[in-house]
Amino acid sequence: IANNYNAYVSTGTLTGTQATSYLALVPFERGTNNPTTLSTTTTAGPSGTSNVMCLTCHRAHASAFPNAGRWDFTATFLASSHPLATDGGVTGNDVLNSYYGRNITTDFGAYQRSLCNKCHLQD
C-alpha cells in the first residue's frame, strides 16, 4: 500500500515520490510516537512501517459526506460530489470546507475519482 500511496498523485497520474506524496485528505499512521520523528510540516508519504487506519478514510466527527467519509465515497468524480454550490441550503464556504479548504477541480482536475485510489489504485 505504501508504494501505491507514494506513486499516486491524482487520477491517471502515478508519478509521485515518497518525499512529497503526503495528502492530508488521506492521512496515515507513521508507526511512531517519537516527537523528534513526527512533524506537522512534512510532505513525506508512508514508509513500510506506516499503517492505514480508520481516519485514513473517515472523519472522527462531522462530515459533509455519508458514512463520515473524508470524501464522497459514492461520487464517480469528486468535483461533482455534494455539497455543490448549486445545492439548496449551501452557503459560504460549505463546498471548500467539505474538502478541508481544497478545491478538488483546481487541485486534482474535474475527473478526479475516489481517493480510495491513493492506496488501492483502482482507476
PDB file of N, CA and C in Angstrom:
ATOM      1  N   ILE A   1       0.831  -1.195   0.000  1.00  0.00           N
ATOM      2  CA  ILE A   1       0.000   0.000   0.000  1.00  0.00           C
ATOM      3  C   ILE A   1       0.873   1.256   0.000  1.00  0.00           C
ATOM      4  N   ALA A   2       1.981   1.244   0.718  1.00  0.00           N
ATOM      5  CA  ALA A   2       2.850   2.430   0.782  1.00  0.00           C
ATOM      6  C   ALA A   2       3.348   2.817  -0.604  1.00  0.00           C
ATOM      7  N   ASN A   3       3.716   1.843  -1.419  1.00  0.00           N
ATOM      8  CA  ASN A   3       4.190   2.152  -2.775  1.00  0.00           C
ATOM      9  C   ASN A   3       3.092   2.793  -3.611  1.00  0.00           C
ATOM     10  N   ASN A   4       1.859   2.281  -3.504  1.00  0.00           N
ATOM     11  CA  ASN A   4       0.727   2.866  -4.226  1.00  0.00           C
ATOM     12  C   ASN A   4       0.493   4.304  -3.773  1.00  0.00           C
ATOM     13  N   TYR A   5       0.433   4.491  -2.460  1.00  0.00           N
ATOM     14  CA  TYR A   5       0.186   5.818  -1.891  1.00  0.00           C
ATOM     15  C   TYR A   5       1.228   6.815  -2.392  1.00  0.00           C
ATOM     16  N   ASN A   6       2.474   6.423  -2.347  1.00  0.00           N
ATOM     17  CA  ASN A   6       3.554   7.331  -2.733  1.00  0.00           C
ATOM     18  C   ASN A   6       3.538   7.666  -4.221  1.00  0.00           C
ATOM     19  N   ALA A   7       3.150   6.736  -5.060  1.00  0.00           N
ATOM     20  CA  ALA A   7       3.124   6.966  -6.509  1.00  0.00           C
ATOM     21  C   ALA A   7       1.919   7.798  -6.943  1.00  0.00           C
ATOM     22  N   TYR A   8       0.785   7.648  -6.238  1.00  0.00           N
ATOM     23  CA  TYR A   8      -0.471   8.268  -6.659  1.00  0.00           C
ATOM     24  C   TYR A   8      -0.463   9.776  -6.424  1.00  0.00           C
ATOM     25  N   VAL A   9      -0.648  10.540  -7.496  1.00  0.00           N
ATOM     26  CA  VAL A   9      -0.780  11.998  -7.418  1.00  0.00           C
ATOM     27  C   VAL A   9      -2.243  12.381  -7.615  1.00  0.00           C
ATOM     28  N   SER A  10      -2.859  11.821  -8.641  1.00  0.00           N
ATOM     29  CA  SER A  10      -4.267  12.043  -8.947  1.00  0.00           C
ATOM     30  C   SER A  10      -4.680  10.985  -9.960  1.00  0.00           C
ATOM     31  N   THR A  11      -5.964  10.967 -10.312  1.00  0.00           N
ATOM     32  CA  THR A  11      -6.444  10.002 -11.289  1.00  0.00           C
ATOM     33  C   THR A  11      -5.590  10.066 -12.548  1.00  0.00           C
ATOM     34  N   GLY A  12      -4.997   8.947 -12.915  1.00  0.00           N
ATOM     35  CA  GLY A  12      -4.188   8.860 -14.124  1.00  0.00           C
ATOM     36  C   GLY A  12      -2.757   9.345 -13.987  1.00  0.00           C
ATOM     37  N   THR A  13      -2.384   9.859 -12.827  1.00  0.00           N
ATOM     38  CA  THR A  13      -1.021  10.363 -12.624  1.00  0.00           C
ATOM     39  C   THR A  13      -0.364   9.591 -11.484  1.00  0.00           C
ATOM     40  N   LEU A  14       0.585   8.740 -11.829  1.00  0.00           N
ATOM     41  CA  LEU A  14       1.267   7.894 -10.846  1.00  0.00           C
ATOM     42  C   LEU A  14       2.758   8.195 -10.834  1.00  0.00           C
ATOM     43  N   THR A  15       3.096   9.471 -10.755  1.00  0.00           N
ATOM     44  CA  THR A  15       4.496   9.893 -10.821  1.00  0.00           C
ATOM     45  C   THR A  15       5.006  10.447  -9.493  1.00  0.00           C
ATOM     46  N   GLY A  16       4.272  10.211  -8.410  1.00  0.00           N
ATOM     47  CA  GLY A  16       4.664  10.739  -7.112  1.00  0.00           C
ATOM     48  C   GLY A  16       5.872  10.036  -6.532  1.00  0.00           C
ATOM     49  N   THR A  17       6.460  10.669  -5.540  1.00  0.00           N
ATOM     50  CA  THR A  17       7.595  10.090  -4.822  1.00  0.00           C
ATOM     51  C   THR A  17       7.304  10.110  -3.327  1.00  0.00           C
ATOM     52  N   GLN A  18       7.961   9.258  -2.585  1.00  0.00           N
ATOM     53  CA  GLN A  18       7.759   9.169  -1.140  1.00  0.00           C
ATOM     54  C   GLN A  18       8.032  10.509  -0.463  1.00  0.00           C
ATOM     55  N   ALA A  19       8.989  11.251  -0.943  1.00  0.00           N
ATOM     56  CA  ALA A  19       9.384  12.514  -0.305  1.00  0.00           C
ATOM     57  C   ALA A  19       8.288  13.575  -0.323  1.00  0.00           C
ATOM     58  N   THR A  20       7.361  13.501  -1.281  1.00  0.00           N
ATOM     59  CA  THR A  20       6.350  14.555  -1.426  1.00  0.00           C
ATOM     60  C   THR A  20       4.925  14.033  -1.551  1.00  0.00           C
ATOM     61  N   SER A  21       4.655  12.795  -1.204  1.00  0.00           N
ATOM     62  CA  SER A  21       3.351  12.202  -1.500  1.00  0.00           C
ATOM     63  C   SER A  21       2.284  12.382  -0.431  1.00  0.00           C
ATOM     64  N   TYR A  22       2.609  12.925   0.738  1.00  0.00           N
ATOM     65  CA  TYR A  22       1.602  13.044   1.796  1.00  0.00           C
ATOM     66  C   TYR A  22       0.429  13.900   1.336  1.00  0.00           C
ATOM     67  N   LEU A  23      -0.782  13.409   1.574  1.00  0.00           N
ATOM     68  CA  LEU A  23      -2.013  14.121   1.247  1.00  0.00           C
ATOM     69  C   LEU A  23      -2.889  14.120   2.494  1.00  0.00           C
ATOM     70  N   ALA A  24      -3.145  15.291   3.054  1.00  0.00           N
ATOM     71  CA  ALA A  24      -3.920  15.391   4.292  1.00  0.00           C
ATOM     72  C   ALA A  24      -5.330  14.833   4.145  1.00  0.00           C
ATOM     73  N   LEU A  25      -5.863  14.782   2.941  1.00  0.00           N
ATOM     74  CA  LEU A  25      -7.175  14.174   2.723  1.00  0.00           C
ATOM     75  C   LEU A  25      -7.142  12.666   2.946  1.00  0.00           C
ATOM     76  N   VAL A  26      -5.966  12.068   2.880  1.00  0.00           N
ATOM     77  CA  VAL A  26      -5.803  10.616   3.054  1.00  0.00           C
ATOM     78  C   VAL A  26      -4.611  10.390   4.005  1.00  0.00           C
ATOM     79  N   PRO A  27      -4.801  10.688   5.304  1.00  0.00           N
ATOM     80  CA  PRO A  27      -3.684  10.561   6.242  1.00  0.00           C
ATOM     81  C   PRO A  27      -3.389   9.101   6.586  1.00  0.00           C
ATOM     82  N   PHE A  28      -2.268   8.874   7.209  1.00  0.00           N
ATOM     83  CA  PHE A  28      -1.882   7.526   7.641  1.00  0.00           C
ATOM     84  C   PHE A  28      -1.155   7.643   8.964  1.00  0.00           C
ATOM     85  N   GLU A  29      -0.963   6.521   9.619  1.00  0.00           N
ATOM     86  CA  GLU A  29      -0.289   6.467  10.908  1.00  0.00           C
ATOM     87  C   GLU A  29       1.148   6.051  10.661  1.00  0.00           C
ATOM     88  N   ARG A  30       2.091   6.814  11.172  1.00  0.00           N
ATOM     89  CA  ARG A  30       3.511   6.597  10.879  1.00  0.00           C
ATOM     90  C   ARG A  30       4.174   5.493  11.690  1.00  0.00           C
ATOM     91  N   GLY A  31       3.508   4.941  12.676  1.00  0.00           N
ATOM     92  CA  GLY A  31       4.096   3.847  13.435  1.00  0.00           C
ATOM     93  C   GLY A  31       5.119   4.294  14.466  1.00  0.00           C
ATOM     94  N   THR A  32       4.987   5.533  14.937  1.00  0.00           N
ATOM     95  CA  THR A  32       5.915   6.031  15.957  1.00  0.00           C
ATOM     96  C   THR A  32       5.206   7.039  16.845  1.00  0.00           C
ATOM     97  N   ASN A  33       5.672   7.155  18.064  1.00  0.00           N
ATOM     98  CA  ASN A  33       5.202   8.229  18.939  1.00  0.00           C
ATOM     99  C   ASN A  33       6.377   9.094  19.387  1.00  0.00           C
ATOM    100  N   ASN A  34       7.480   8.975  18.678  1.00  0.00           N
ATOM    101  CA  ASN A  34       8.685   9.741  18.973  1.00  0.00           C
ATOM    102  C   ASN A  34       8.535  11.147  18.391  1.00  0.00           C
ATOM    103  N   PRO A  35       8.418  12.168  19.236  1.00  0.00           N
ATOM    104  CA  PRO A  35       8.191  13.523  18.729  1.00  0.00           C
ATOM    105  C   PRO A  35       9.319  14.060  17.850  1.00  0.00           C
ATOM    106  N   THR A  36      10.509  13.510  17.962  1.00  0.00           N
ATOM    107  CA  THR A  36      11.606  14.001  17.118  1.00  0.00           C
ATOM    108  C   THR A  36      11.478  13.522  15.676  1.00  0.00           C
ATOM    109  N   THR A  37      10.685  12.476  15.453  1.00  0.00           N
ATOM    110  CA  THR A  37      10.499  11.982  14.084  1.00  0.00           C
ATOM    111  C   THR A  37       9.139  12.366  13.505  1.00  0.00           C
ATOM    112  N   LEU A  38       8.299  13.004  14.308  1.00  0.00           N
ATOM    113  CA  LEU A  38       6.993  13.457  13.837  1.00  0.00           C
ATOM    114  C   LEU A  38       7.066  14.941  13.513  1.00  0.00           C
ATOM    115  N   SER A  39       6.403  15.349  12.453  1.00  0.00           N
ATOM    116  CA  SER A  39       6.426  16.745  12.038  1.00  0.00           C
ATOM    117  C   SER A  39       5.079  17.120  11.456  1.00  0.00           C
ATOM    118  N   THR A  40       4.579  18.285  11.802  1.00  0.00           N
ATOM    119  CA  THR A  40       3.314  18.760  11.232  1.00  0.00           C
ATOM    120  C   THR A  40       3.512  19.386   9.863  1.00  0.00           C
ATOM    121  N   THR A  41       4.751  19.540   9.426  1.00  0.00           N
ATOM    122  CA  THR A  41       5.014  20.180   8.138  1.00  0.00           C
ATOM    123  C   THR A  41       5.607  19.231   7.098  1.00  0.00           C
ATOM    124  N   THR A  42       5.755  17.968   7.423  1.00  0.00           N
ATOM    125  CA  THR A  42       6.363  17.036   6.477  1.00  0.00           C
ATOM    126  C   THR A  42       5.472  16.807   5.257  1.00  0.00           C
ATOM    127  N   THR A  43       6.076  16.564   4.143  1.00  0.00           N
ATOM    128  CA  THR A  43       5.353  16.193   2.920  1.00  0.00           C
ATOM    129  C   THR A  43       5.608  14.729   2.577  1.00  0.00           C
ATOM    130  N   ALA A  44       6.355  14.033   3.431  1.00  0.00           N
ATOM    131  CA  ALA A  44       6.732  12.643   3.152  1.00  0.00           C
ATOM    132  C   ALA A  44       5.540  11.705   3.264  1.00  0.00           C
ATOM    133  N   GLY A  45       5.479  10.768   2.346  1.00  0.00           N
ATOM    134  CA  GLY A  45       4.468   9.737   2.371  1.00  0.00           C
ATOM    135  C   GLY A  45       4.862   8.601   3.294  1.00  0.00           C
ATOM    136  N   PRO A  46       4.084   7.527   3.286  1.00  0.00           N
ATOM    137  CA  PRO A  46       4.325   6.418   4.196  1.00  0.00           C
ATOM    138  C   PRO A  46       5.569   5.612   3.849  1.00  0.00           C
ATOM    139  N   SER A  47       6.083   4.956   4.883  1.00  0.00           N
ATOM    140  CA  SER A  47       7.177   4.000   4.706  1.00  0.00           C
ATOM    141  C   SER A  47       6.595   2.605   4.917  1.00  0.00           C
ATOM    142  N   GLY A  48       7.429   1.620   4.918  1.00  0.00           N
ATOM    143  CA  GLY A  48       6.975   0.248   5.124  1.00  0.00           C
ATOM    144  C   GLY A  48       6.416  -0.018   6.504  1.00  0.00           C
ATOM    145  N   THR A  49       6.675   0.856   7.477  1.00  0.00           N
ATOM    146  CA  THR A  49       6.154   0.658   8.829  1.00  0.00           C
ATOM    147  C   THR A  49       4.913   1.496   9.109  1.00  0.00           C
ATOM    148  N   SER A  50       4.460   2.274   8.155  1.00  0.00           N
ATOM    149  CA  SER A  50       3.258   3.098   8.321  1.00  0.00           C
ATOM    150  C   SER A  50       2.014   2.229   8.203  1.00  0.00           C
ATOM    151  N   ASN A  51       0.907   2.727   8.743  1.00  0.00           N
ATOM    152  CA  ASN A  51      -0.336   1.956   8.745  1.00  0.00           C
ATOM    153  C   ASN A  51      -1.515   2.770   8.239  1.00  0.00           C
ATOM    154  N   VAL A  52      -2.408   2.097   7.532  1.00  0.00           N
ATOM    155  CA  VAL A  52      -3.721   2.644   7.226  1.00  0.00           C
ATOM    156  C   VAL A  52      -4.517   2.541   8.525  1.00  0.00           C
ATOM    157  N   MET A  53      -5.405   3.477   8.765  1.00  0.00           N
ATOM    158  CA  MET A  53      -6.210   3.480   9.991  1.00  0.00           C
ATOM    159  C   MET A  53      -7.618   3.957   9.651  1.00  0.00           C
ATOM    160  N   CYS A  54      -8.518   3.920  10.603  1.00  0.00           N
ATOM    161  CA  CYS A  54      -9.894   4.372  10.367  1.00  0.00           C
ATOM    162  C   CYS A  54      -9.930   5.787   9.808  1.00  0.00           C
ATOM    163  N   LEU A  55      -9.084   6.670  10.368  1.00  0.00           N
ATOM    164  CA  LEU A  55      -9.093   8.073   9.957  1.00  0.00           C
ATOM    165  C   LEU A  55      -8.437   8.306   8.603  1.00  0.00           C
ATOM    166  N   THR A  56      -7.907   7.275   7.986  1.00  0.00           N
ATOM    167  CA  THR A  56      -7.400   7.410   6.623  1.00  0.00           C
ATOM    168  C   THR A  56      -8.556   7.727   5.680  1.00  0.00           C
ATOM    169  N   CYS A  57      -9.693   7.111   5.913  1.00  0.00           N
ATOM    170  CA  CYS A  57     -10.853   7.268   5.027  1.00  0.00           C
ATOM    171  C   CYS A  57     -12.030   8.002   5.669  1.00  0.00           C
ATOM    172  N   HIS A  58     -12.102   7.974   7.002  1.00  0.00           N
ATOM    173  CA  HIS A  58     -13.250   8.530   7.715  1.00  0.00           C
ATOM    174  C   HIS A  58     -12.834   9.675   8.629  1.00  0.00           C
ATOM    175  N   ARG A  59     -13.769  10.604   8.843  1.00  0.00           N
ATOM    176  CA  ARG A  59     -13.534  11.696   9.789  1.00  0.00           C
ATOM    177  C   ARG A  59     -13.936  11.231  11.187  1.00  0.00           C
ATOM    178  N   ALA A  60     -13.333  11.821  12.180  1.00  0.00           N
ATOM    179  CA  ALA A  60     -13.653  11.470  13.562  1.00  0.00           C
ATOM    180  C   ALA A  60     -15.005  12.049  13.979  1.00  0.00           C
ATOM    181  N   HIS A  61     -15.393  13.158  13.384  1.00  0.00           N
ATOM    182  CA  HIS A  61     -16.627  13.828  13.779  1.00  0.00           C
ATOM    183  C   HIS A  61     -17.419  14.198  12.530  1.00  0.00           C
ATOM    184  N   ALA A  62     -18.025  15.353  12.500  1.00  0.00           N
ATOM    185  CA  ALA A  62     -18.929  15.751  11.427  1.00  0.00           C
ATOM    186  C   ALA A  62     -18.280  15.698  10.047  1.00  0.00           C
ATOM    187  N   SER A  63     -19.082  15.297   9.074  1.00  0.00           N
ATOM    188  CA  SER A  63     -18.628  15.220   7.687  1.00  0.00           C
ATOM    189  C   SER A  63     -19.747  15.687   6.774  1.00  0.00           C
ATOM    190  N   ALA A  64     -19.389  16.246   5.646  1.00  0.00           N
ATOM    191  CA  ALA A  64     -20.382  16.623   4.641  1.00  0.00           C
ATOM    192  C   ALA A  64     -20.857  15.401   3.858  1.00  0.00           C
ATOM    193  N   PHE A  65     -20.210  14.257   4.093  1.00  0.00           N
ATOM    194  CA  PHE A  65     -20.445  13.072   3.267  1.00  0.00           C
ATOM    195  C   PHE A  65     -21.003  11.907   4.082  1.00  0.00           C
ATOM    196  N   PRO A  66     -21.724  10.994   3.417  1.00  0.00           N
ATOM    197  CA  PRO A  66     -22.240   9.814   4.118  1.00  0.00           C
ATOM    198  C   PRO A  66     -21.112   8.989   4.743  1.00  0.00           C
ATOM    199  N   ASN A  67     -21.458   8.242   5.776  1.00  0.00           N
ATOM    200  CA  ASN A  67     -20.538   7.326   6.457  1.00  0.00           C
ATOM    201  C   ASN A  67     -19.319   8.037   7.034  1.00  0.00           C
ATOM    202  N   ALA A  68     -19.463   9.307   7.365  1.00  0.00           N
ATOM    203  CA  ALA A  68     -18.367  10.107   7.930  1.00  0.00           C
ATOM    204  C   ALA A  68     -17.133  10.082   7.041  1.00  0.00           C
ATOM    205  N   GLY A  69     -17.351  10.053   5.739  1.00  0.00           N
ATOM    206  CA  GLY A  69     -16.238   9.987   4.795  1.00  0.00           C
ATOM    207  C   GLY A  69     -15.421  11.262   4.740  1.00  0.00           C
ATOM    208  N   ARG A  70     -14.148  11.118   4.452  1.00  0.00           N
ATOM    209  CA  ARG A  70     -13.285  12.284   4.208  1.00  0.00           C
ATOM    210  C   ARG A  70     -13.581  12.858   2.824  1.00  0.00           C
ATOM    211  N   TRP A  71     -14.167  12.052   1.954  1.00  0.00           N
ATOM    212  CA  TRP A  71     -14.608  12.467   0.627  1.00  0.00           C
ATOM    213  C   TRP A  71     -15.886  11.698   0.347  1.00  0.00           C
ATOM    214  N   ASP A  72     -16.559  12.014  -0.748  1.00  0.00           N
ATOM    215  CA  ASP A  72     -17.820  11.360  -1.100  1.00  0.00           C
ATOM    216  C   ASP A  72     -17.523  10.008  -1.737  1.00  0.00           C
ATOM    217  N   PHE A  73     -17.715   8.934  -0.977  1.00  0.00           N
ATOM    218  CA  PHE A  73     -17.428   7.579  -1.462  1.00  0.00           C
ATOM    219  C   PHE A  73     -18.340   7.173  -2.621  1.00  0.00           C
ATOM    220  N   THR A  74     -19.488   7.851  -2.775  1.00  0.00           N
ATOM    221  CA  THR A  74     -20.457   7.462  -3.799  1.00  0.00           C
ATOM    222  C   THR A  74     -20.281   8.199  -5.122  1.00  0.00           C
ATOM    223  N   ALA A  75     -19.456   9.228  -5.156  1.00  0.00           N
ATOM    224  CA  ALA A  75     -19.306  10.048  -6.364  1.00  0.00           C
ATOM    225  C   ALA A  75     -18.343   9.405  -7.353  1.00  0.00           C
ATOM    226  N   THR A  76     -18.724   9.370  -8.613  1.00  0.00           N
ATOM    227  CA  THR A  76     -17.810   8.896  -9.652  1.00  0.00           C
ATOM    228  C   THR A  76     -16.652   9.869  -9.789  1.00  0.00           C
ATOM    229  N   PHE A  77     -16.967  11.164  -9.838  1.00  0.00           N
ATOM    230  CA  PHE A  77     -15.951  12.210  -9.904  1.00  0.00           C
ATOM    231  C   PHE A  77     -16.138  13.129  -8.699  1.00  0.00           C
ATOM    232  N   LEU A  78     -15.090  13.357  -7.934  1.00  0.00           N
ATOM    233  CA  LEU A  78     -15.204  14.150  -6.710  1.00  0.00           C
ATOM    234  C   LEU A  78     -15.647  15.582  -6.974  1.00  0.00           C
ATOM    235  N   ALA A  79     -15.313  16.137  -8.129  1.00  0.00           N
ATOM    236  CA  ALA A  79     -15.715  17.511  -8.444  1.00  0.00           C
ATOM    237  C   ALA A  79     -17.233  17.647  -8.548  1.00  0.00           C
ATOM    238  N   SER A  80     -17.933  16.547  -8.798  1.00  0.00           N
ATOM    239  CA  SER A  80     -19.391  16.607  -8.895  1.00  0.00           C
ATOM    240  C   SER A  80     -20.070  16.021  -7.660  1.00  0.00           C
ATOM    241  N   SER A  81     -19.323  15.851  -6.571  1.00  0.00           N
ATOM    242  CA  SER A  81     -19.920  15.333  -5.340  1.00  0.00           C
ATOM    243  C   SER A  81     -20.647  16.455  -4.608  1.00  0.00           C
ATOM    244  N   HIS A  82     -21.479  16.077  -3.692  1.00  0.00           N
ATOM    245  CA  HIS A  82     -22.242  17.059  -2.921  1.00  0.00           C
ATOM    246  C   HIS A  82     -21.566  17.262  -1.578  1.00  0.00           C
ATOM    247  N   PRO A  83     -21.594  18.470  -1.025  1.00  0.00           N
ATOM    248  CA  PRO A  83     -22.392  19.592  -1.491  1.00  0.00           C
ATOM    249  C   PRO A  83     -21.765  20.307  -2.684  1.00  0.00           C
ATOM    250  N   LEU A  84     -22.633  20.744  -3.587  1.00  0.00           N
ATOM    251  CA  LEU A  84     -22.245  21.615  -4.699  1.00  0.00           C
ATOM    252  C   LEU A  84     -22.734  23.022  -4.385  1.00  0.00           C
ATOM    253  N   ALA A  85     -22.104  24.006  -4.956  1.00  0.00           N
ATOM    254  CA  ALA A  85     -22.509  25.395  -4.723  1.00  0.00           C
ATOM    255  C   ALA A  85     -23.962  25.631  -5.116  1.00  0.00           C
ATOM    256  N   THR A  86     -24.492  24.824  -6.036  1.00  0.00           N
ATOM    257  CA  THR A  86     -25.865  24.988  -6.514  1.00  0.00           C
ATOM    258  C   THR A  86     -26.888  24.223  -5.681  1.00  0.00           C
ATOM    259  N   ASP A  87     -26.464  23.443  -4.694  1.00  0.00           N
ATOM    260  CA  ASP A  87     -27.390  22.698  -3.838  1.00  0.00           C
ATOM    261  C   ASP A  87     -28.160  23.647  -2.927  1.00  0.00           C
ATOM    262  N   GLY A  88     -29.412  23.325  -2.683  1.00  0.00           N
ATOM    263  CA  GLY A  88     -30.198  24.113  -1.749  1.00  0.00           C
ATOM    264  C   GLY A  88     -29.591  24.066  -0.356  1.00  0.00           C
ATOM    265  N   GLY A  89     -29.556  25.209   0.315  1.00  0.00           N
ATOM    266  CA  GLY A  89     -29.043  25.274   1.674  1.00  0.00           C
ATOM    267  C   GLY A  89     -27.545  25.458   1.797  1.00  0.00           C
ATOM    268  N   VAL A  90     -26.824  25.376   0.695  1.00  0.00           N
ATOM    269  CA  VAL A  90     -25.368  25.554   0.735  1.00  0.00           C
ATOM    270  C   VAL A  90     -25.064  27.039   0.853  1.00  0.00           C
ATOM    271  N   THR A  91     -24.192  27.367   1.791  1.00  0.00           N
ATOM    272  CA  THR A  91     -23.815  28.765   1.990  1.00  0.00           C
ATOM    273  C   THR A  91     -22.305  28.904   2.102  1.00  0.00           C
ATOM    274  N   GLY A  92     -21.829  30.110   1.863  1.00  0.00           N
ATOM    275  CA  GLY A  92     -20.428  30.448   2.083  1.00  0.00           C
ATOM    276  C   GLY A  92     -19.436  29.446   1.540  1.00  0.00           C
ATOM    277  N   ASN A  93     -18.618  28.946   2.425  1.00  0.00           N
ATOM    278  CA  ASN A  93     -17.542  28.030   2.047  1.00  0.00           C
ATOM    279  C   ASN A  93     -17.881  26.563   2.279  1.00  0.00           C
ATOM    280  N   ASP A  94     -19.159  26.203   2.270  1.00  0.00           N
ATOM    281  CA  ASP A  94     -19.542  24.814   2.536  1.00  0.00           C
ATOM    282  C   ASP A  94     -18.810  23.820   1.642  1.00  0.00           C
ATOM    283  N   VAL A  95     -18.712  24.128   0.360  1.00  0.00           N
ATOM    284  CA  VAL A  95     -18.069  23.199  -0.578  1.00  0.00           C
ATOM    285  C   VAL A  95     -16.580  23.087  -0.266  1.00  0.00           C
ATOM    286  N   LEU A  96     -15.902  24.215  -0.100  1.00  0.00           N
ATOM    287  CA  LEU A  96     -14.473  24.186   0.244  1.00  0.00           C
ATOM    288  C   LEU A  96     -14.235  23.499   1.582  1.00  0.00           C
ATOM    289  N   ASN A  97     -15.064  23.798   2.566  1.00  0.00           N
ATOM    290  CA  ASN A  97     -14.883  23.204   3.891  1.00  0.00           C
ATOM    291  C   ASN A  97     -15.062  21.695   3.872  1.00  0.00           C
ATOM    292  N   SER A  98     -15.900  21.193   2.980  1.00  0.00           N
ATOM    293  CA  SER A  98     -16.120  19.746   2.929  1.00  0.00           C
ATOM    294  C   SER A  98     -14.858  18.995   2.522  1.00  0.00           C
ATOM    295  N   TYR A  99     -13.953  19.672   1.835  1.00  0.00           N
ATOM    296  CA  TYR A  99     -12.672  19.071   1.441  1.00  0.00           C
ATOM    297  C   TYR A  99     -11.498  19.788   2.116  1.00  0.00           C
ATOM    298  N   TYR A 100     -11.699  20.196   3.375  1.00  0.00           N
ATOM    299  CA  TYR A 100     -10.630  20.810   4.174  1.00  0.00           C
ATOM    300  C   TYR A 100      -9.990  22.010   3.476  1.00  0.00           C
ATOM    301  N   GLY A 101     -10.804  22.809   2.792  1.00  0.00           N
ATOM    302  CA  GLY A 101     -10.302  24.015   2.148  1.00  0.00           C
ATOM    303  C   GLY A 101      -9.677  23.804   0.782  1.00  0.00           C
ATOM    304  N   ARG A 102      -9.728  22.595   0.269  1.00  0.00           N
ATOM    305  CA  ARG A 102      -9.128  22.311  -1.044  1.00  0.00           C
ATOM    306  C   ARG A 102     -10.189  22.375  -2.133  1.00  0.00           C
ATOM    307  N   ASN A 103      -9.844  22.966  -3.254  1.00  0.00           N
ATOM    308  CA  ASN A 103     -10.708  22.985  -4.422  1.00  0.00           C
ATOM    309  C   ASN A 103     -10.349  21.753  -5.249  1.00  0.00           C
ATOM    310  N   ILE A 104     -11.221  20.778  -5.253  1.00  0.00           N
ATOM    311  CA  ILE A 104     -10.928  19.494  -5.898  1.00  0.00           C
ATOM    312  C   ILE A 104     -10.615  19.670  -7.375  1.00  0.00           C
ATOM    313  N   THR A 105     -11.398  20.477  -8.079  1.00  0.00           N
ATOM    314  CA  THR A 105     -11.160  20.663  -9.513  1.00  0.00           C
ATOM    315  C   THR A 105      -9.814  21.325  -9.769  1.00  0.00           C
ATOM    316  N   THR A 106      -9.487  22.354  -9.009  1.00  0.00           N
ATOM    317  CA  THR A 106      -8.206  23.044  -9.174  1.00  0.00           C
ATOM    318  C   THR A 106      -7.036  22.145  -8.793  1.00  0.00           C
ATOM    319  N   ASP A 107      -7.152  21.454  -7.667  1.00  0.00           N
ATOM    320  CA  ASP A 107      -6.034  20.661  -7.145  1.00  0.00           C
ATOM    321  C   ASP A 107      -5.839  19.320  -7.843  1.00  0.00           C
ATOM    322  N   PHE A 108      -6.935  18.705  -8.297  1.00  0.00           N
ATOM    323  CA  PHE A 108      -6.838  17.351  -8.848  1.00  0.00           C
ATOM    324  C   PHE A 108      -7.396  17.196 -10.258  1.00  0.00           C
ATOM    325  N   GLY A 109      -8.247  18.114 -10.688  1.00  0.00           N
ATOM    326  CA  GLY A 109      -8.865  18.021 -12.007  1.00  0.00           C
ATOM    327  C   GLY A 109     -10.322  17.613 -11.923  1.00  0.00           C
ATOM    328  N   ALA A 110     -11.078  17.927 -12.964  1.00  0.00           N
ATOM    329  CA  ALA A 110     -12.518  17.663 -12.995  1.00  0.00           C
ATOM    330  C   ALA A 110     -12.853  16.180 -12.973  1.00  0.00           C
ATOM    331  N   TYR A 111     -11.912  15.327 -13.352  1.00  0.00           N
ATOM    332  CA  TYR A 111     -12.193  13.894 -13.448  1.00  0.00           C
ATOM    333  C   TYR A 111     -11.502  13.074 -12.364  1.00  0.00           C
ATOM    334  N   GLN A 112     -11.197  13.721 -11.232  1.00  0.00           N
ATOM    335  CA  GLN A 112     -10.606  13.005 -10.103  1.00  0.00           C
ATOM    336  C   GLN A 112     -11.616  12.009  -9.552  1.00  0.00           C
ATOM    337  N   ARG A 113     -11.212  10.763  -9.490  1.00  0.00           N
ATOM    338  CA  ARG A 113     -12.067   9.717  -8.926  1.00  0.00           C
ATOM    339  C   ARG A 113     -11.810   9.585  -7.426  1.00  0.00           C
ATOM    340  N   SER A 114     -12.431   8.611  -6.812  1.00  0.00           N
ATOM    341  CA  SER A 114     -12.346   8.403  -5.371  1.00  0.00           C
ATOM    342  C   SER A 114     -10.906   8.365  -4.877  1.00  0.00           C
ATOM    343  N   LEU A 115     -10.688   8.953  -3.720  1.00  0.00           N
ATOM    344  CA  LEU A 115      -9.351   8.938  -3.124  1.00  0.00           C
ATOM    345  C   LEU A 115      -9.005   7.582  -2.512  1.00  0.00           C
ATOM    346  N   CYS A 116      -9.912   6.612  -2.585  1.00  0.00           N
ATOM    347  CA  CYS A 116      -9.560   5.226  -2.232  1.00  0.00           C
ATOM    348  C   CYS A 116      -8.383   4.781  -3.092  1.00  0.00           C
ATOM    349  N   ASN A 117      -8.287   5.378  -4.275  1.00  0.00           N
ATOM    350  CA  ASN A 117      -7.222   5.033  -5.222  1.00  0.00           C
ATOM    351  C   ASN A 117      -5.832   5.425  -4.732  1.00  0.00           C
ATOM    352  N   LYS A 118      -5.746   6.297  -3.756  1.00  0.00           N
ATOM    353  CA  LYS A 118      -4.433   6.670  -3.208  1.00  0.00           C
ATOM    354  C   LYS A 118      -3.735   5.424  -2.648  1.00  0.00           C
ATOM    355  N   CYS A 119      -4.497   4.490  -2.135  1.00  0.00           N
ATOM    356  CA  CYS A 119      -3.926   3.241  -1.609  1.00  0.00           C
ATOM    357  C   CYS A 119      -4.208   2.036  -2.500  1.00  0.00           C
ATOM    358  N   HIS A 120      -5.357   2.017  -3.157  1.00  0.00           N
ATOM    359  CA  HIS A 120      -5.806   0.812  -3.859  1.00  0.00           C
ATOM    360  C   HIS A 120      -5.640   0.810  -5.375  1.00  0.00           C
ATOM    361  N   LEU A 121      -5.326   1.939  -5.993  1.00  0.00           N
ATOM    362  CA  LEU A 121      -5.079   2.040  -7.445  1.00  0.00           C
ATOM    363  C   LEU A 121      -6.092   1.268  -8.287  1.00  0.00           C
ATOM    364  N   GLN A 122      -7.348   1.671  -8.195  1.00  0.00           N
ATOM    365  CA  GLN A 122      -8.408   1.035  -8.981  1.00  0.00           C
ATOM    366  C   GLN A 122      -8.819   1.851 -10.203  1.00  0.00           C
ATOM    367  N   ASP A 123      -8.227   3.026 -10.424  1.00  0.00           N
ATOM    368  CA  ASP A 123      -8.593   3.876 -11.575  1.00  0.00           C
ATOM    369  C   ASP A 123      -8.403   3.133 -12.875  1.00  0.00           C
TER     370      ASP A 123
END
